[in-house]
Protein backbone atom coordinates (compact mmCIF):
# COMPACT_ATOMS: atom_id res chain seq x y z
CA MET A 1 0.00 0.05 0.15
CA SER A 2 1.36 3.31 -1.03
CA ARG A 3 1.42 6.27 1.16
CA ILE A 4 0.23 9.38 -0.35
CA VAL A 5 0.25 12.74 1.19
CA VAL A 6 -2.30 15.27 -0.53
CA LEU A 7 -2.25 19.05 0.07
CA GLY A 8 -5.22 21.66 -1.27
CA ASP A 9 -8.65 22.47 -1.27
CA LEU A 10 -11.47 21.14 0.51
CA ASN A 11 -15.01 22.46 -0.25
CA LEU A 12 -18.55 21.92 -0.07
CA ASP A 13 -20.11 21.74 -3.57
CA VAL A 14 -23.75 22.77 -4.03
CA TYR A 15 -25.46 22.10 -7.28
CA ALA A 16 -28.69 23.65 -8.54
CA ARG A 17 -30.43 24.55 -11.64
CA ARG A 18 -30.91 28.24 -12.82
CA PRO A 19 -34.60 28.91 -13.38
CA VAL A 20 -34.72 30.63 -16.87
CA ASP A 21 -37.86 32.51 -16.11
CA LEU A 22 -37.32 33.59 -12.36
CA GLU A 23 -37.87 37.40 -11.84
CA ARG A 24 -35.92 39.26 -9.26
CA GLY A 25 -37.22 38.64 -5.87
CA GLU A 26 -39.35 35.63 -7.02
CA GLU A 27 -38.69 31.91 -5.36
CA ALA A 28 -38.50 28.63 -7.60
CA ARG A 29 -38.98 25.06 -6.32
CA ASP A 30 -36.28 22.55 -7.55
CA ALA A 31 -33.79 20.08 -6.41
CA VAL A 32 -30.62 21.37 -4.81
CA ARG A 33 -27.65 18.84 -4.26
CA ALA A 34 -24.70 19.50 -1.70
CA VAL A 35 -21.64 17.07 -1.72
CA PRO A 36 -18.24 17.14 -0.36
CA GLY A 37 -15.81 18.35 -3.01
CA GLY A 38 -12.72 20.36 -3.66
CA SER A 39 -10.08 19.40 -6.19
CA ALA A 40 -7.33 17.74 -3.61
CA GLY A 41 -10.44 16.45 -1.33
CA THR A 42 -11.87 14.24 -4.27
CA PHE A 43 -8.41 13.40 -5.32
CA ALA A 44 -7.74 12.04 -1.48
CA ARG A 45 -10.90 10.18 -1.17
CA THR A 46 -10.68 8.41 -4.57
CA ALA A 47 -7.11 7.53 -4.06
CA ALA A 48 -8.04 5.84 -0.60
CA ARG A 49 -10.87 4.14 -1.97
CA CYS A 50 -8.49 2.71 -4.79
CA GLY A 51 -5.83 1.34 -2.10
CA GLY A 52 -4.02 4.37 -1.20
CA ALA A 53 -2.81 5.14 2.24
CA VAL A 54 -3.55 8.85 2.04
CA THR A 55 -2.99 11.80 4.48
CA PHE A 56 -4.64 15.05 3.69
CA LEU A 57 -3.26 18.33 4.44
CA GLY A 58 -5.85 21.49 4.28
CA CYS A 59 -7.92 23.91 6.16
CA VAL A 60 -11.67 24.18 7.10
CA GLY A 61 -13.72 26.36 9.08
CA THR A 62 -14.74 25.83 12.55
CA ASP A 63 -18.37 25.53 11.17
CA LEU A 64 -20.79 22.49 10.53
CA VAL A 65 -19.47 22.63 6.81
CA GLY A 66 -15.95 22.05 8.01
CA ASP A 67 -17.21 19.30 10.35
CA LEU A 68 -18.90 17.59 7.41
CA LEU A 69 -15.91 17.73 5.03
CA VAL A 70 -13.63 16.34 7.67
CA ARG A 71 -15.98 13.39 8.15
CA SER A 72 -16.01 12.94 4.59
CA LEU A 73 -12.28 12.25 4.25
CA GLU A 74 -12.43 10.13 7.51
CA GLU A 75 -15.14 8.02 6.14
CA ALA A 76 -13.27 7.22 2.93
CA GLY A 77 -10.53 6.17 4.85
CA VAL A 78 -8.18 9.26 4.67
CA ARG A 79 -6.20 10.40 7.51
CA ALA A 80 -7.24 13.96 7.96
CA LEU A 81 -4.69 16.35 9.33
CA VAL A 82 -7.03 19.33 8.56
CA GLN A 83 -6.32 22.68 10.27
CA ARG A 84 -9.29 24.82 11.54
CA THR A 85 -9.76 28.55 11.29
CA ALA A 86 -12.36 31.19 11.94
CA ARG A 87 -12.95 31.50 8.24
CA PRO A 88 -16.03 29.89 6.90
CA SER A 89 -15.30 26.56 5.07
CA GLY A 90 -14.92 26.83 1.29
CA VAL A 91 -18.22 26.45 -0.91
CA ILE A 92 -18.73 26.20 -4.61
CA LEU A 93 -22.11 27.04 -6.15
CA SER A 94 -22.72 25.40 -9.48
CA LEU A 95 -25.71 26.79 -11.38
CA GLU A 96 -26.86 24.75 -14.44
CA GLU A 97 -28.55 26.02 -17.58
CA GLY A 98 -28.91 23.74 -20.23
CA ASP A 99 -25.53 22.40 -20.92
CA GLU A 100 -23.73 25.71 -19.55
CA ARG A 101 -22.64 25.88 -16.06
CA THR A 102 -21.78 29.03 -13.77
CA MET A 103 -19.88 28.88 -10.86
CA VAL A 104 -19.58 30.86 -7.78
CA CYS A 105 -16.54 29.94 -5.58
CA SER A 106 -15.68 30.96 -2.19
CA ARG A 107 -12.16 29.78 -1.32
CA GLY A 108 -12.95 30.99 2.60
CA ALA A 109 -10.62 28.67 4.90
CA ASN A 110 -8.67 27.12 2.13
CA ASP A 111 -6.61 30.05 2.25
CA GLY A 112 -6.20 29.85 6.18
CA ILE A 113 -3.64 27.01 6.02
CA ARG A 114 -0.51 27.83 7.71
CA ALA A 115 2.80 26.26 6.59
CA ASP A 116 4.41 26.38 10.00
CA ARG A 117 1.74 23.91 11.24
CA ILE A 118 2.53 21.18 8.51
CA ASP A 119 4.44 18.26 10.41
CA PRO A 120 7.55 17.31 8.51
CA GLY A 121 7.02 13.81 9.90
CA VAL A 122 4.07 13.35 7.86
CA PHE A 123 6.51 12.85 4.93
CA ASP A 124 8.82 10.35 6.53
CA ASP A 125 7.12 7.12 5.21
CA ALA A 126 5.28 8.64 2.12
CA ALA A 127 5.90 7.71 -1.38
CA HIS A 128 4.28 10.39 -3.18
CA LEU A 129 3.07 14.05 -2.66
CA HIS A 130 -0.17 15.47 -4.71
CA LEU A 131 -0.86 19.19 -4.88
CA SER A 132 -3.93 20.94 -6.13
CA GLY A 133 -3.32 22.98 -9.03
CA TYR A 134 -5.29 25.98 -7.34
CA ALA A 135 -2.66 25.88 -4.58
CA PHE A 136 0.00 27.38 -6.81
CA LEU A 137 -2.36 30.10 -7.80
CA SER A 138 -3.20 31.33 -4.12
CA PRO A 139 -0.91 33.42 -2.54
CA ALA A 140 -2.09 32.32 0.77
CA GLN A 141 -1.21 28.66 -0.08
CA ARG A 142 2.09 28.83 -1.63
CA ALA A 143 3.97 28.74 1.59
CA ALA A 144 2.40 25.40 2.34
CA VAL A 145 3.10 24.25 -1.20
CA GLY A 146 6.81 25.17 -0.78
CA ARG A 147 7.19 23.73 2.50
CA SER A 148 5.59 20.45 1.57
CA VAL A 149 7.34 20.20 -1.64
CA GLY A 150 10.81 20.79 0.13
CA TYR A 151 9.94 18.06 2.44
CA ALA A 152 8.95 15.66 -0.44
CA HIS A 153 12.24 16.43 -2.30
CA ARG A 154 14.26 15.48 0.81
CA GLN A 155 12.59 12.29 1.07
CA GLY A 156 12.71 11.31 -2.49
CA LEU A 157 8.80 11.45 -3.07
CA SER A 158 7.28 11.74 -6.64
CA ILE A 159 4.86 14.64 -7.13
CA SER A 160 1.81 15.19 -9.03
CA VAL A 161 -0.27 18.38 -9.93
CA ASP A 162 -3.94 18.39 -11.39
CA PRO A 163 -3.94 21.73 -13.20
CA PRO A 164 -6.46 24.55 -12.38
CA PRO A 165 -8.95 25.54 -15.13
CA ALA A 166 -7.28 26.97 -18.25
CA ASN A 167 -8.84 30.37 -17.83
CA LEU A 168 -7.03 30.79 -14.49
CA ILE A 169 -3.74 29.58 -15.89
CA ARG A 170 -3.98 32.22 -18.58
CA SER A 171 -4.79 34.88 -16.10
CA HIS A 172 -1.91 33.96 -13.84
CA GLY A 173 0.43 33.48 -16.87
CA VAL A 174 1.30 30.33 -18.39
CA ARG A 175 5.16 30.60 -17.94
CA ALA A 176 4.68 31.77 -14.50
CA PHE A 177 2.40 28.70 -13.73
CA LEU A 178 4.94 26.44 -15.30
CA ASP A 179 7.73 27.94 -13.37
CA ARG A 180 6.10 27.06 -10.24
CA MET A 181 5.91 23.25 -11.16
CA PRO A 182 8.29 21.09 -9.05
CA ASP A 183 10.84 19.00 -11.22
CA GLY A 184 9.58 15.63 -12.12
CA THR A 185 5.99 16.50 -11.60
CA TRP A 186 3.41 14.11 -12.83
CA LEU A 187 0.57 16.14 -14.59
CA PHE A 188 -3.18 15.42 -15.07
CA PRO A 189 -4.76 18.26 -17.46
CA ASN A 190 -7.82 18.22 -19.41
CA ARG A 191 -7.75 19.10 -23.01
CA ALA A 192 -8.30 22.91 -22.52
CA GLU A 193 -5.64 23.04 -19.88
CA GLY A 194 -3.10 20.94 -22.12
CA GLU A 195 -3.48 23.18 -25.02
CA VAL A 196 -2.76 26.35 -22.84
CA LEU A 197 0.20 24.82 -21.31
CA ALA A 198 1.65 23.04 -24.38
CA GLY A 199 0.38 25.92 -26.80
CA THR A 200 -0.78 23.85 -29.41
CA PRO A 201 -4.53 22.47 -29.91
CA GLU A 202 -3.27 19.06 -31.50
CA THR A 203 -3.82 16.17 -28.98
CA ARG A 204 -0.56 14.22 -30.14
CA ALA A 205 1.75 17.38 -29.89
CA ILE A 206 0.30 18.41 -26.54
CA VAL A 207 1.27 15.12 -25.10
CA ASP A 208 4.52 15.15 -27.12
CA ARG A 209 5.41 18.55 -25.62
CA LEU A 210 4.29 18.04 -22.02
CA GLU A 211 6.12 14.39 -21.76
CA GLU A 212 9.39 16.42 -22.27
CA ARG A 213 8.96 18.17 -19.17
CA PHE A 214 6.39 15.90 -17.05
CA PRO A 215 7.67 12.27 -16.75
CA VAL A 216 4.06 10.75 -16.07
CA GLY A 217 0.98 12.43 -16.93
CA VAL A 218 -2.67 11.71 -18.54
CA LEU A 219 -4.33 14.20 -20.89
CA THR A 220 -8.31 13.67 -20.31
CA LEU A 221 -10.31 14.55 -23.61
CA GLY A 222 -13.75 14.16 -22.40
CA VAL A 223 -15.90 12.03 -24.75
CA ASP A 224 -12.53 11.10 -26.84
CA GLY A 225 -11.07 9.30 -23.86
CA SER A 226 -7.73 9.98 -22.68
CA LEU A 227 -4.04 9.57 -23.52
CA ALA A 228 -1.35 8.70 -21.02
CA TRP A 229 2.28 8.57 -20.95
CA ALA A 230 5.16 7.32 -18.67
CA GLY A 231 8.60 8.08 -20.27
CA GLU A 232 8.36 7.01 -24.01
CA THR A 233 5.39 4.68 -23.46
CA GLN A 234 2.00 5.97 -24.17
CA ASN A 235 -1.41 4.46 -23.81
CA ARG A 236 -4.98 5.50 -25.26
CA LEU A 237 -8.23 4.71 -23.43
CA SER A 238 -11.60 5.17 -25.16
CA VAL A 239 -14.89 5.83 -23.20
CA ALA A 240 -18.42 4.91 -23.54
CA PRO A 241 -20.52 7.92 -24.32
CA LEU A 242 -22.63 9.19 -21.50
CA GLU A 243 -25.54 11.75 -21.41
CA PHE A 244 -24.68 15.18 -20.38
CA VAL A 245 -23.36 15.19 -16.72
CA ASP A 246 -21.99 17.77 -14.45
CA THR A 247 -18.13 16.67 -14.83
CA THR A 248 -17.04 18.62 -11.57
CA GLY A 249 -14.41 16.73 -9.94
CA ALA A 250 -14.16 13.96 -12.33
CA GLY A 251 -10.61 14.97 -13.52
CA ASP A 252 -9.68 14.87 -9.41
CA ALA A 253 -11.04 11.28 -9.21
CA PHE A 254 -9.55 10.10 -12.27
CA ALA A 255 -5.97 11.40 -11.07
CA GLY A 256 -6.54 10.08 -7.68
CA ALA A 257 -7.30 6.68 -9.05
CA PHE A 258 -4.28 6.95 -11.65
CA VAL A 259 -1.72 7.82 -8.87
CA ALA A 260 -2.89 4.95 -6.38
CA ALA A 261 -2.73 2.22 -9.16
CA TYR A 262 0.48 3.46 -10.76
CA LEU A 263 2.47 3.67 -7.43
CA GLU A 264 1.39 0.00 -6.74
CA THR A 265 2.10 -1.41 -9.98
CA ARG A 266 4.05 0.78 -12.43
CA ASP A 267 1.64 -0.46 -15.02
CA LEU A 268 0.58 2.42 -17.48
CA ALA A 269 -2.27 0.52 -18.96
CA HIS A 270 -3.60 -0.90 -15.93
CA ALA A 271 -3.52 2.59 -13.99
CA HIS A 272 -5.11 4.22 -16.96
CA ARG A 273 -7.99 1.72 -16.83
CA VAL A 274 -8.58 1.87 -13.23
CA ALA A 275 -8.61 5.91 -13.48
CA GLY A 276 -11.25 5.64 -16.20
CA ASP A 277 -13.34 3.53 -14.13
CA ALA A 278 -13.17 5.85 -11.32
CA ALA A 279 -13.94 8.84 -13.37
CA ARG A 280 -16.77 7.17 -14.54
CA ARG A 281 -18.42 6.21 -11.32
CA HIS A 282 -17.93 9.69 -10.13
CA LEU A 283 -19.92 10.80 -12.97
CA ALA A 284 -22.78 8.25 -12.21
CA PRO A 285 -24.79 10.72 -10.21
CA PRO A 286 -26.30 13.24 -12.50
CA GLY A 287 -25.92 17.06 -11.50
CA PRO A 288 -29.01 18.10 -9.72
CA PRO A 289 -31.50 15.15 -9.33
CA ALA A 290 -34.76 15.31 -10.82
CA SER A 291 -37.30 17.13 -8.49
């Protein structure tokens, strides 16, 4: 069983449909769904369910949402070393309108994490460190990222990153984001993120350019499946079509399953299949359920 340390966001994800005919000041009745989320949180829960021994480093509020989020990690088998702060816990509101989605993100307690409260002993018997891409964009989290990467390098851990959305990478600056990536990072971009990071829209060219810098990774391609690489080896995975579903967190579930499986077997094709299955399970519940 490989030991994995995960650092990053832990949020409550709230899903609802945006009524198209609702006037200002009016009320509508429809289903609303709230589930534990967060990029790093989803990765951690999935990696643990796929056999990894996972320790989570993050921060939540001293509120009921924080209690729920910590319990969601523990119930998935994750060791939750979660700091608490007076800030409210992170929440993401996802509003569906047809095939489009509008998101309102409150980072809240995620930016309250303190680097000086991270125990270096957590890394002593670990094999891998996973970092949420959002943590590289948050000035408040960078100290925690830097300290964790330093511990990981001293202990010889492999490191992975699931990038943030393409628009945030552009806003931050592509070169600046790439310069923050630790040496030897395993990378898990989707198509849009891969295009921005590689500077090309062609799938094979994206992978060819990324694998020059990132020794292991997977480019996820939505309905076109995914393309994984490890060194000079590549593996393509096709997927069966699904009706429209909210894909929030699917990439994080994919990455968590891949890392847990690849650390154990070093078998690229096997880890790729396990990751695809985990992402599909994550997508099984639709967005807001029918009322």
